[in-house]
Structure formats: C-alpha cells, structure tokens
Protein backbone atom coordinates (compact mmCIF):
# COMPACT_ATOMS: atom_id res chain seq x y z
CA MET A 1 105.88 43.32 -8.06
CA ARG A 2 104.05 41.54 -10.87
CA GLU A 3 102.23 43.88 -13.23
CA VAL A 4 98.44 43.77 -13.17
CA PRO A 5 96.52 44.00 -16.45
CA ALA A 6 94.58 47.21 -16.91
CA GLY A 7 91.08 47.07 -15.50
CA ARG A 8 91.81 44.19 -13.10
CA PRO A 9 92.29 44.68 -9.33
CA GLN A 10 95.64 43.88 -7.78
CA ARG A 11 95.49 40.64 -5.75
CA ASP A 12 97.18 39.87 -2.47
CA TRP A 13 99.80 37.09 -2.50
CA VAL A 14 98.44 35.37 0.60
CA THR A 15 94.69 35.53 0.04
CA SER A 16 94.39 36.25 -3.68
CA ALA A 17 91.91 38.94 -2.58
CA PRO A 18 91.73 42.24 -4.46
CA VAL A 19 93.57 44.91 -2.47
CA THR A 20 90.56 47.12 -1.82
CA SER A 21 89.03 47.88 1.54
CA ARG A 22 85.44 47.74 2.73
CA LEU A 23 86.31 49.24 6.12
CA SER A 24 85.28 52.76 5.15
CA GLY A 25 81.78 53.27 6.44
CA VAL A 26 81.79 50.12 8.62
CA GLU A 27 80.26 50.83 12.00
CA MET A 28 82.14 49.33 14.96
CA THR A 29 79.42 47.70 17.05
CA ALA A 30 81.64 46.27 19.78
CA GLY A 31 85.02 46.90 21.33
CA PRO A 32 87.77 44.75 22.87
CA GLY A 33 86.12 44.97 26.28
CA GLU A 34 83.05 43.11 24.96
CA PHE A 35 84.98 40.10 23.63
CA ARG A 36 86.77 37.66 25.88
CA SER A 37 90.33 37.20 24.68
CA SER A 38 91.81 33.80 23.91
CA PRO A 39 95.05 32.55 22.32
CA LEU A 40 93.20 31.59 19.14
CA ALA A 41 91.42 34.96 18.89
CA LEU A 42 94.73 36.75 19.44
CA ALA A 43 96.31 34.65 16.69
CA VAL A 44 93.55 35.57 14.23
CA LEU A 45 93.88 39.29 14.94
CA SER A 46 97.67 39.11 14.76
CA LEU A 47 97.66 37.35 11.38
CA LEU A 48 95.26 39.92 9.96
CA HIS A 49 97.79 42.66 10.79
CA ALA A 50 99.83 41.30 7.88
CA ALA A 51 97.13 40.83 5.26
CA PRO A 52 93.46 39.95 4.73
CA LEU A 53 93.00 36.19 5.00
CA HIS A 54 90.40 33.48 4.73
CA PRO A 55 90.14 30.91 7.58
CA TYR A 56 91.93 28.13 5.71
CA ALA A 57 94.91 30.40 5.07
CA MET A 58 94.99 31.38 8.76
CA GLN A 59 95.08 27.75 9.85
CA ARG A 60 97.72 26.90 7.24
CA LEU A 61 99.98 29.79 8.24
CA LEU A 62 99.76 28.96 11.96
CA LYS A 63 100.80 25.37 11.22
CA LEU A 64 103.49 26.43 8.73
CA TRP A 65 105.04 28.77 11.29
CA GLY A 66 104.87 26.13 14.05
CA LYS A 67 102.39 28.10 16.15
CA ASP A 68 100.12 25.06 16.43
CA SER A 69 102.44 23.89 19.22
CA VAL A 70 101.26 26.77 21.43
CA ILE A 71 97.82 27.55 19.93
CA ASN A 72 95.13 24.92 19.37
CA VAL A 73 94.24 25.21 15.69
CA GLY A 74 93.70 21.51 15.04
CA GLN A 75 89.91 21.80 14.96
CA ARG A 76 88.83 24.07 12.13
CA ALA A 77 85.35 24.35 13.67
CA ASN A 78 86.85 26.20 16.66
CA LEU A 79 88.64 28.57 14.30
CA TYR A 80 85.43 29.34 12.40
CA LYS A 81 83.56 29.88 15.67
CA THR A 82 86.22 32.30 16.90
CA ILE A 83 86.22 34.18 13.59
CA LYS A 84 82.43 34.49 13.69
CA ARG A 85 82.54 35.97 17.19
CA LEU A 86 85.32 38.39 16.25
CA ASP A 87 83.27 39.52 13.28
CA GLN A 88 80.16 39.99 15.42
CA ALA A 89 82.21 42.02 17.92
CA GLY A 90 83.45 44.32 15.18
CA LEU A 91 87.10 43.35 15.66
CA ILE A 92 87.35 41.96 12.14
CA ALA A 93 85.20 42.53 9.05
CA VAL A 94 84.31 40.59 5.92
CA ARG A 95 86.33 41.97 3.05
CA GLN A 96 84.93 39.82 0.29
CA THR A 97 83.73 36.35 -0.60
CA GLU A 98 85.88 34.45 -3.09
CA ARG A 99 84.33 32.07 -5.59
CA ASP A 100 86.52 29.73 -7.57
CA GLN A 101 85.63 26.56 -9.44
CA GLN A 102 88.60 24.75 -7.87
CA TYR A 103 87.75 25.61 -4.24
CA PRO A 104 84.68 26.00 -2.03
CA GLU A 105 83.44 29.53 -1.41
CA ARG A 106 85.84 31.38 0.90
CA THR A 107 85.20 34.45 3.01
CA VAL A 108 88.17 36.80 3.34
CA TYR A 109 88.45 38.85 6.55
CA GLU A 110 90.38 42.00 7.37
CA LEU A 111 91.28 43.75 10.60
CA THR A 112 89.26 46.70 11.88
CA GLU A 113 90.68 49.57 13.91
CA ALA A 114 88.90 48.17 16.96
CA GLY A 115 90.61 44.83 16.30
CA ARG A 116 93.99 46.53 15.99
CA GLN A 117 93.49 48.18 19.37
CA ALA A 118 92.22 44.94 20.93
CA THR A 119 95.35 43.09 19.79
CA ARG A 120 97.62 45.45 21.68
CA THR A 121 95.38 45.41 24.76
CA TRP A 122 95.27 41.61 24.83
CA LEU A 123 99.01 41.31 24.28
CA ARG A 124 99.79 43.61 27.20
CA ASP A 125 97.33 41.72 29.40
CA MET A 126 98.47 38.19 28.45
CA LEU A 127 102.15 39.07 28.76
CA GLY A 128 101.87 41.08 31.97
CA GLN A 129 99.27 39.20 34.02
CA PRO A 130 100.07 35.63 35.18
CA ARG A 131 96.95 33.45 35.20
CA ASN A 132 96.19 30.00 36.51
CA GLU A 133 95.37 28.09 33.33
CA PHE A 134 94.61 24.86 35.25
CA PRO A 135 96.85 22.42 33.32
CA GLN A 136 96.15 18.74 33.86
CA PHE A 137 99.60 17.71 35.15
CA PRO A 138 99.50 19.56 38.50
CA ALA A 139 95.85 18.54 38.86
CA ALA A 140 96.91 14.89 38.61
CA LEU A 141 99.84 15.49 40.98
CA SER A 142 97.43 16.70 43.65
CA PHE A 143 95.94 13.17 43.79
CA VAL A 144 99.05 11.13 42.99
CA MET A 145 98.80 9.46 46.40
CA LEU A 146 96.03 7.24 44.98
CA LEU A 147 98.79 5.43 43.09
CA THR A 148 101.53 3.47 44.80
CA PRO A 149 105.00 5.06 44.89
CA ASP A 150 106.19 2.45 42.38
CA GLU A 151 103.33 3.27 39.99
CA ALA A 152 104.01 7.00 40.32
CA ALA A 153 107.71 6.48 39.64
CA ALA A 154 106.91 4.45 36.51
CA VAL A 155 104.53 7.02 34.99
CA LEU A 156 106.91 9.88 35.80
CA ASP A 157 109.74 7.99 34.12
CA GLN A 158 107.45 7.66 31.10
CA ARG A 159 106.70 11.39 31.20
CA ALA A 160 110.41 12.21 31.44
CA GLU A 161 111.11 10.18 28.31
CA LEU A 162 108.41 12.05 26.39
CA LEU A 163 109.67 15.39 27.69
CA ARG A 164 113.17 14.55 26.43
CA ALA A 165 111.73 13.83 22.99
CA GLN A 166 109.80 17.12 22.98
CA LEU A 167 112.87 19.02 24.10
CA ALA A 168 114.98 17.43 21.38
CA ALA A 169 112.35 18.40 18.78
CA VAL A 170 112.32 22.03 19.95
CA ASP A 171 116.13 22.12 19.94
CA ALA A 172 116.17 20.75 16.40
CA ASP A 173 113.60 23.29 15.24
CA LEU A 174 115.54 26.18 16.71
CA ALA A 175 118.81 24.92 15.25
CA SER A 176 117.27 24.82 11.77
CA VAL A 177 116.09 28.44 11.84
CA PRO A 178 118.06 30.71 9.47
CA ALA A 179 120.48 32.97 11.31
CA ALA A 180 119.02 36.01 9.59
CA LEU A 181 115.63 35.50 11.25
CA PRO A 182 115.17 37.90 14.21
CA ARG A 183 115.22 36.19 17.60
CA ILE A 184 111.98 37.90 18.61
CA VAL A 185 109.94 35.66 16.30
CA LEU A 186 111.30 32.61 18.16
CA MET A 187 110.42 33.80 21.64
CA ASP A 188 107.60 31.26 22.08
CA ASP A 189 109.94 28.38 21.15
CA ASP A 190 112.63 29.70 23.49
CA TYR A 191 110.04 29.84 26.30
CA ARG A 192 108.85 26.30 25.54
CA ARG A 193 112.42 25.01 25.65
CA THR A 194 113.07 26.70 29.00
CA MET A 195 109.84 25.33 30.50
CA LEU A 196 110.49 21.83 29.14
CA ARG A 197 113.97 21.83 30.67
CA ALA A 198 112.61 22.95 34.04
CA GLU A 199 109.80 20.37 34.05
CA LEU A 200 112.13 17.58 32.95
CA ALA A 201 114.58 18.36 35.75
CA TRP A 202 111.78 18.35 38.34
CA VAL A 203 110.23 15.12 37.05
CA GLU A 204 113.61 13.36 37.01
CA ASP A 205 114.33 14.47 40.60
CA VAL A 206 110.97 13.24 41.88
CA ALA A 207 111.23 9.95 39.98
CA ARG A 208 114.67 9.35 41.54
CA ASP A 209 113.36 10.07 45.04
CA LEU A 210 110.45 7.67 44.49
CA ALA A 211 112.72 4.94 43.13
CA SER A 212 115.13 5.27 46.08
CA GLY A 213 112.36 5.32 48.68
CA ALA A 214 113.27 8.82 49.86
CA TRP A 215 109.71 9.87 48.97
CA THR A 216 107.01 7.38 49.82
CA TRP A 217 103.49 6.96 51.19
CA SER A 218 100.83 4.33 51.77
CA TYR A 219 97.06 4.09 51.56
CA GLU A 220 96.89 3.27 55.27
CA GLU A 221 98.77 6.45 56.12
CA PHE A 222 96.26 8.65 54.34
CA ALA A 223 93.29 6.63 55.60
CA ALA A 224 94.43 7.34 59.16
CA ILE A 225 94.84 11.07 58.41
CA LEU A 226 91.34 11.31 56.94
CA ASP A 227 89.69 9.12 59.57
CA GLY A 228 86.61 10.87 60.95
CA THR A 229 86.48 13.45 58.19
CA PHE A 230 83.47 12.13 56.25
CA GLN A 231 79.91 11.22 57.27
CA PRO A 232 78.15 8.12 55.89
CA ASP A 233 75.78 10.35 53.87
CA GLY A 234 78.71 11.85 52.00
CA ASP A 235 78.95 15.12 53.93
CA VAL A 236 82.14 16.43 55.55
CA ILE A 237 82.37 16.45 59.34
CA THR A 238 85.57 18.41 59.60
CA ALA A 239 87.76 20.08 57.03
CA PRO A 240 90.46 17.69 55.76
CA PRO A 241 93.89 18.50 57.20
CA ASP A 242 96.52 20.22 55.10
CA LEU A 243 98.59 17.46 53.58
C-alpha cells in the first residue's frame, strides 16, 4: 500500500475519500421494510459493501463490470433519485462531500448497518420469489392476432436475428473472462445466455410454424368469436371467450 504523508488521511482507491467513518452516532431512521426494493437500489447497496462511493463512480463501475445489461443505469437522474431515497431511509449515509477544482462537487456515500441487513433481505427475496415483471414481449404476443400471420412471421424472424446477435455477444463476453475469475461473479451472464437460448428456440419454432401455415388465423375468425360481446356504448355484454 502506498505510504501516506504524516498528518494526511489515507484515501480510498475507488472514491479518493479519506478512510474515516461518520457512521458512529448516526441514527437509523428507517429500515429495509420501509423502502421498496429495486434492482438499482440493490446494486447501490451491493457496491457500497466494497467501499464508499460517489454516484458517478457507482454508475461507472456498473458499466465497467457489464451490469448495465441487467440493471438500468443509463439515466443518471434515476440513480441520484434512488440514492436520495436510500439515504432518507437510513440504508446509506453521507460520508463526506468532495471538492476538487477539476470536478464538480461530489457526495460520497457509505453503507449503514441497516443497509447491510436490507441487502441480504432483498437478495433472498429477489432470488427466492418469482415475480411477474410484465415484460413487453409476452404483452405483445397476447394481441399478435391483430397482425396477419405473414406479418407476425416477419417480425419474429427479425427478433430471432437480434436474439442471435445478443447471444453471440454474451458468448464472446464470457469467453473473454479470465479463467481465474470465480464463476459466481458471472452468474447473471450465464442466466442471460440460458434465457436467450430458450427464447431464440421458441421464436424460431413459432416463426417456422407461421411460415409453413401450421399456425394461422384470420380477422374474420376472431370477429365471429367476439360477435355479440360488446355493446354500442362500449360496455361488455358477455365475458369474451377463452381464446
């Protein structure tokens, strides 16, 4: 470790913040149960396990480590909003404010004990409890009959091509990882690769069935099914049949 001149505080390599803590005497005003978890909030707490950080360093590390493919950190305003709420909940605390002529003023945050406990609680919950996250693809599939079979086949072929490109990118990323790196840190990429392979196989199967005519429909078919379901004023007369 580099020697520090006498009388000057030791600085952290990630944040350049003096390694002193303001946590002693800080009153925890909120616990993990009072803050709604989110992937971005979990990422902030997880990063602060390693070292105190300012928001720009958090965003930079998440992108450097490739976590921006699974956590939305593109908008810095969302990151600042999440950090502010974590601070208000007592899950993180301001360690210090850095002032440097070369950079704007930066606030460095550190993890509180409540934040440390919340991280473990959220991890157990997110890993153990499946949730419907309402992705847009199955939402669009539920109304795909508004396209013609040929149109659906064309857009699914387009999706398959993009999925192949994404899968190739993930494969390349994983192949470039040093062998000495523990596999556990690549679990999110391994999951993404598995899910991409599964989705690609499904999309290719459906696109083939649409192209061959094995899976087809028409507007007239659905119009006949829904005939008598709706009133002229926009109300529903009977519940639509299960399709």
